[in-house]
Amino acid sequence: MTKASGLRRLGAGVAAVLMAVAGTVMSAAPASAATDLCVKMVLRHVGSNAILVPAGAANSQTCLIGSGLVANYKIVVLFQATMVKCYGGLRLASPYEDELVRDLDTDGSFGPRTQAALKAVQKSIGATVDGSYGPNTRDRMRFMDDRSRYCYAYRS
């Protein structure tokens, strides 16, 4: 091995390490601003009504639920029940368009049918149709009241 080729290898190795470090530093900023997962349901008062809304650990109602996101079983069950109650007449998104949201199993698993139900809800309410629950969906969605009788908009 010549001195020049050894220096090239060393230079390439240093460059790779610097790029990896820079990538870590660059990707650290968005992670600190990341939205929490939904871990509980909290009451939100809308006029004289109280609705159950997903929330993060610090009671923040800005949280995420979706496929591939580890979510609390109870939260997913209540979220599924909300879609069934408030949007039961909608047809699920493809490839389940022959099924209705009201037929969705409230099984606590955010699987493909739950994602298809959420996409149908998002399309219906004019939110971004991505199959993930977050602030954009929350602001347009209706939620069950604390007695599971009626549905009310998050924003009055």
C-alpha atoms as a PDB file:
ATOM      1  CA  MET A   1       0.000   0.000   0.000  1.00  0.00           C
ATOM      2  CA  THR A   2       1.415   3.358  -0.994  1.00  0.00           C
ATOM      3  CA  LYS A   3       1.413   6.391   1.235  1.00  0.00           C
ATOM      4  CA  ALA A   4      -1.034   8.193  -1.117  1.00  0.00           C
ATOM      5  CA  SER A   5      -3.595   5.353  -1.150  1.00  0.00           C
ATOM      6  CA  GLY A   6      -3.365   5.081   2.633  1.00  0.00           C
ATOM      7  CA  LEU A   7      -4.087   8.797   2.970  1.00  0.00           C
ATOM      8  CA  ARG A   8      -7.039   8.504   0.556  1.00  0.00           C
ATOM      9  CA  ARG A   9      -8.514   5.686   2.645  1.00  0.00           C
ATOM     10  CA  LEU A  10      -7.986   7.650   5.828  1.00  0.00           C
ATOM     11  CA  GLY A  11      -9.552  10.720   4.222  1.00  0.00           C
ATOM     12  CA  ALA A  12     -12.533   8.694   3.014  1.00  0.00           C
ATOM     13  CA  GLY A  13     -12.946   7.183   6.472  1.00  0.00           C
ATOM     14  CA  VAL A  14     -12.811  10.584   8.153  1.00  0.00           C
ATOM     15  CA  ALA A  15     -15.313  11.960   5.628  1.00  0.00           C
ATOM     16  CA  ALA A  16     -17.694   9.060   6.300  1.00  0.00           C
ATOM     17  CA  VAL A  17     -17.487   9.615  10.053  1.00  0.00           C
ATOM     18  CA  LEU A  18     -18.060  13.369   9.647  1.00  0.00           C
ATOM     19  CA  MET A  19     -21.062  12.755   7.405  1.00  0.00           C
ATOM     20  CA  ALA A  20     -22.515  10.300   9.921  1.00  0.00           C
ATOM     21  CA  VAL A  21     -22.008  12.754  12.775  1.00  0.00           C
ATOM     22  CA  ALA A  22     -23.473  15.612  10.742  1.00  0.00           C
ATOM     23  CA  GLY A  23     -26.451  13.430   9.849  1.00  0.00           C
ATOM     24  CA  THR A  24     -27.001  12.612  13.507  1.00  0.00           C
ATOM     25  CA  VAL A  25     -26.813  16.269  14.489  1.00  0.00           C
ATOM     26  CA  MET A  26     -29.110  17.291  11.651  1.00  0.00           C
ATOM     27  CA  SER A  27     -31.670  14.610  12.479  1.00  0.00           C
ATOM     28  CA  ALA A  28     -31.625  15.403  16.206  1.00  0.00           C
ATOM     29  CA  ALA A  29     -33.467  18.697  15.767  1.00  0.00           C
ATOM     30  CA  PRO A  30     -36.710  17.256  14.329  1.00  0.00           C
ATOM     31  CA  ALA A  31     -36.722  14.465  16.924  1.00  0.00           C
ATOM     32  CA  SER A  32     -36.780  16.985  19.760  1.00  0.00           C
ATOM     33  CA  ALA A  33     -39.770  18.667  18.151  1.00  0.00           C
ATOM     34  CA  ALA A  34     -41.545  15.353  17.515  1.00  0.00           C
ATOM     35  CA  THR A  35     -45.175  14.932  18.464  1.00  0.00           C
ATOM     36  CA  ASP A  36     -45.896  12.532  21.324  1.00  0.00           C
ATOM     37  CA  LEU A  37     -47.895   9.361  20.890  1.00  0.00           C
ATOM     38  CA  CYS A  38     -51.428   9.381  22.248  1.00  0.00           C
ATOM     39  CA  VAL A  39     -51.382   7.569  25.598  1.00  0.00           C
ATOM     40  CA  LYS A  40     -54.718   8.471  27.170  1.00  0.00           C
ATOM     41  CA  MET A  41     -58.091  10.057  26.614  1.00  0.00           C
ATOM     42  CA  VAL A  42     -58.929  13.372  28.264  1.00  0.00           C
ATOM     43  CA  LEU A  43     -62.107  15.389  28.562  1.00  0.00           C
ATOM     44  CA  ARG A  44     -62.347  18.514  26.463  1.00  0.00           C
ATOM     45  CA  HIS A  45     -65.209  20.884  27.072  1.00  0.00           C
ATOM     46  CA  VAL A  46     -66.877  22.175  23.927  1.00  0.00           C
ATOM     47  CA  GLY A  47     -69.643  24.532  24.942  1.00  0.00           C
ATOM     48  CA  SER A  48     -71.729  22.646  27.499  1.00  0.00           C
ATOM     49  CA  ASN A  49     -70.556  19.263  26.212  1.00  0.00           C
ATOM     50  CA  ALA A  50     -67.561  17.164  27.231  1.00  0.00           C
ATOM     51  CA  ILE A  51     -65.870  15.018  24.588  1.00  0.00           C
ATOM     52  CA  LEU A  52     -63.187  12.354  24.951  1.00  0.00           C
ATOM     53  CA  VAL A  53     -60.065  13.270  22.981  1.00  0.00           C
ATOM     54  CA  PRO A  54     -56.747  11.406  22.620  1.00  0.00           C
ATOM     55  CA  ALA A  55     -53.869  13.056  24.484  1.00  0.00           C
ATOM     56  CA  GLY A  56     -50.154  12.683  25.065  1.00  0.00           C
ATOM     57  CA  ALA A  57     -48.429  12.082  28.385  1.00  0.00           C
ATOM     58  CA  ALA A  58     -48.620  15.717  29.533  1.00  0.00           C
ATOM     59  CA  ASN A  59     -52.348  15.931  28.647  1.00  0.00           C
ATOM     60  CA  SER A  60     -51.400  17.582  25.350  1.00  0.00           C
ATOM     61  CA  GLN A  61     -54.135  16.983  22.826  1.00  0.00           C
ATOM     62  CA  THR A  62     -51.506  17.196  20.088  1.00  0.00           C
ATOM     63  CA  CYS A  63     -50.530  13.548  19.719  1.00  0.00           C
ATOM     64  CA  LEU A  64     -50.283  10.756  17.159  1.00  0.00           C
ATOM     65  CA  ILE A  65     -52.038   7.459  16.504  1.00  0.00           C
ATOM     66  CA  GLY A  66     -51.263   5.381  13.444  1.00  0.00           C
ATOM     67  CA  SER A  67     -49.969   2.228  11.860  1.00  0.00           C
ATOM     68  CA  GLY A  68     -46.486   1.402  13.082  1.00  0.00           C
ATOM     69  CA  LEU A  69     -46.810   3.749  16.052  1.00  0.00           C
ATOM     70  CA  VAL A  70     -46.958   1.859  19.324  1.00  0.00           C
ATOM     71  CA  ALA A  71     -50.193   3.014  20.925  1.00  0.00           C
ATOM     72  CA  ASN A  72     -51.980   2.087  24.098  1.00  0.00           C
ATOM     73  CA  TYR A  73     -54.577  -0.647  23.503  1.00  0.00           C
ATOM     74  CA  LYS A  74     -57.310   1.308  25.337  1.00  0.00           C
ATOM     75  CA  ILE A  75     -56.638   4.447  23.322  1.00  0.00           C
ATOM     76  CA  VAL A  76     -56.997   2.590  20.029  1.00  0.00           C
ATOM     77  CA  VAL A  77     -60.210   0.899  21.260  1.00  0.00           C
ATOM     78  CA  LEU A  78     -61.714   4.279  22.194  1.00  0.00           C
ATOM     79  CA  PHE A  79     -60.509   5.849  18.961  1.00  0.00           C
ATOM     80  CA  GLN A  80     -62.066   3.000  16.951  1.00  0.00           C
ATOM     81  CA  ALA A  81     -65.303   3.357  18.952  1.00  0.00           C
ATOM     82  CA  THR A  82     -65.325   7.085  18.196  1.00  0.00           C
ATOM     83  CA  MET A  83     -65.044   6.455  14.457  1.00  0.00           C
ATOM     84  CA  VAL A  84     -67.772   3.797  14.631  1.00  0.00           C
ATOM     85  CA  LYS A  85     -70.117   6.094  16.585  1.00  0.00           C
ATOM     86  CA  CYS A  86     -69.431   9.354  14.773  1.00  0.00           C
ATOM     87  CA  TYR A  87     -68.696   8.153  11.222  1.00  0.00           C
ATOM     88  CA  GLY A  88     -70.386   4.740  11.030  1.00  0.00           C
ATOM     89  CA  GLY A  89     -72.073   5.336   7.660  1.00  0.00           C
ATOM     90  CA  LEU A  90     -68.857   5.974   5.755  1.00  0.00           C
ATOM     91  CA  ARG A  91     -67.307   3.368   3.509  1.00  0.00           C
ATOM     92  CA  LEU A  92     -63.755   2.366   4.378  1.00  0.00           C
ATOM     93  CA  ALA A  93     -60.982   3.450   2.031  1.00  0.00           C
ATOM     94  CA  SER A  94     -59.493   1.060  -0.509  1.00  0.00           C
ATOM     95  CA  PRO A  95     -59.140  -1.900  -0.520  1.00  0.00           C
ATOM     96  CA  TYR A  96     -62.032  -2.288   1.960  1.00  0.00           C
ATOM     97  CA  GLU A  97     -64.564   0.021   0.288  1.00  0.00           C
ATOM     98  CA  ASP A  98     -67.276  -2.654   0.479  1.00  0.00           C
ATOM     99  CA  GLU A  99     -67.220  -2.323   4.304  1.00  0.00           C
ATOM    100  CA  LEU A 100     -68.640   0.429   6.513  1.00  0.00           C
ATOM    101  CA  VAL A 101     -66.896   2.155   9.409  1.00  0.00           C
ATOM    102  CA  ARG A 102     -69.692   0.944  11.729  1.00  0.00           C
ATOM    103  CA  ASP A 103     -68.532  -2.639  11.067  1.00  0.00           C
ATOM    104  CA  LEU A 104     -64.995  -1.921  12.272  1.00  0.00           C
ATOM    105  CA  ASP A 105     -63.879  -4.177  15.120  1.00  0.00           C
ATOM    106  CA  THR A 106     -62.970  -2.210  18.226  1.00  0.00           C
ATOM    107  CA  ASP A 107     -60.126  -4.596  18.962  1.00  0.00           C
ATOM    108  CA  GLY A 108     -57.391  -2.163  20.012  1.00  0.00           C
ATOM    109  CA  SER A 109     -55.207  -2.952  17.010  1.00  0.00           C
ATOM    110  CA  PHE A 110     -54.401  -0.174  14.550  1.00  0.00           C
ATOM    111  CA  GLY A 111     -54.370  -2.509  11.578  1.00  0.00           C
ATOM    112  CA  PRO A 112     -55.223  -2.025   7.904  1.00  0.00           C
ATOM    113  CA  ARG A 113     -58.993  -1.750   8.440  1.00  0.00           C
ATOM    114  CA  THR A 114     -58.607   0.856  11.172  1.00  0.00           C
ATOM    115  CA  GLN A 115     -56.250   2.772   8.910  1.00  0.00           C
ATOM    116  CA  ALA A 116     -58.788   2.494   6.047  1.00  0.00           C
ATOM    117  CA  ALA A 117     -61.532   3.740   8.382  1.00  0.00           C
ATOM    118  CA  LEU A 118     -59.392   6.705   9.415  1.00  0.00           C
ATOM    119  CA  LYS A 119     -58.644   7.517   5.780  1.00  0.00           C
ATOM    120  CA  ALA A 120     -62.390   7.503   5.056  1.00  0.00           C
ATOM    121  CA  VAL A 121     -62.965   9.858   8.000  1.00  0.00           C
ATOM    122  CA  GLN A 122     -60.124  12.121   6.887  1.00  0.00           C
ATOM    123  CA  LYS A 123     -61.525  12.321   3.359  1.00  0.00           C
ATOM    124  CA  SER A 124     -64.991  13.095   4.732  1.00  0.00           C
ATOM    125  CA  ILE A 125     -63.799  15.905   7.017  1.00  0.00           C
ATOM    126  CA  GLY A 126     -61.357  17.482   4.564  1.00  0.00           C
ATOM    127  CA  ALA A 127     -58.186  16.544   6.458  1.00  0.00           C
ATOM    128  CA  THR A 128     -54.986  15.246   4.910  1.00  0.00           C
ATOM    129  CA  VAL A 129     -55.712  11.633   3.942  1.00  0.00           C
ATOM    130  CA  ASP A 130     -52.671   9.830   5.327  1.00  0.00           C
ATOM    131  CA  GLY A 131     -54.194   7.246   7.673  1.00  0.00           C
ATOM    132  CA  SER A 132     -52.539   8.743  10.753  1.00  0.00           C
ATOM    133  CA  TYR A 133     -54.288  10.703  13.490  1.00  0.00           C
ATOM    134  CA  GLY A 134     -52.640  13.986  14.413  1.00  0.00           C
ATOM    135  CA  PRO A 135     -53.507  17.673  14.899  1.00  0.00           C
ATOM    136  CA  ASN A 136     -54.767  18.168  11.332  1.00  0.00           C
ATOM    137  CA  THR A 137     -57.310  15.370  11.743  1.00  0.00           C
ATOM    138  CA  ARG A 138     -58.131  16.242  15.364  1.00  0.00           C
ATOM    139  CA  ASP A 139     -59.107  19.823  14.517  1.00  0.00           C
ATOM    140  CA  ARG A 140     -61.719  18.681  11.974  1.00  0.00           C
ATOM    141  CA  MET A 141     -62.972  15.520  13.630  1.00  0.00           C
ATOM    142  CA  ARG A 142     -66.004  14.853  15.823  1.00  0.00           C
ATOM    143  CA  PHE A 143     -65.597  12.903  19.068  1.00  0.00           C
ATOM    144  CA  MET A 144     -67.946  10.995  21.352  1.00  0.00           C
ATOM    145  CA  ASP A 145     -69.196  12.726  24.439  1.00  0.00           C
ATOM    146  CA  ASP A 146     -68.281  11.352  27.839  1.00  0.00           C
ATOM    147  CA  ARG A 147     -71.481   9.255  27.865  1.00  0.00           C
ATOM    148  CA  SER A 148     -70.876   7.754  24.383  1.00  0.00           C
ATOM    149  CA  ARG A 149     -74.221   9.118  23.222  1.00  0.00           C
ATOM    150  CA  TYR A 150     -73.474  11.980  20.834  1.00  0.00           C
ATOM    151  CA  CYS A 151     -70.624  13.300  18.706  1.00  0.00           C
ATOM    152  CA  TYR A 152     -69.356  16.859  18.791  1.00  0.00           C
ATOM    153  CA  ALA A 153     -66.717  18.718  16.803  1.00  0.00           C
ATOM    154  CA  TYR A 154     -63.340  19.285  18.416  1.00  0.00           C
ATOM    155  CA  ARG A 155     -63.521  22.926  17.319  1.00  0.00           C
ATOM    156  CA  SER A 156     -66.839  24.562  18.115  1.00  0.00           C
END
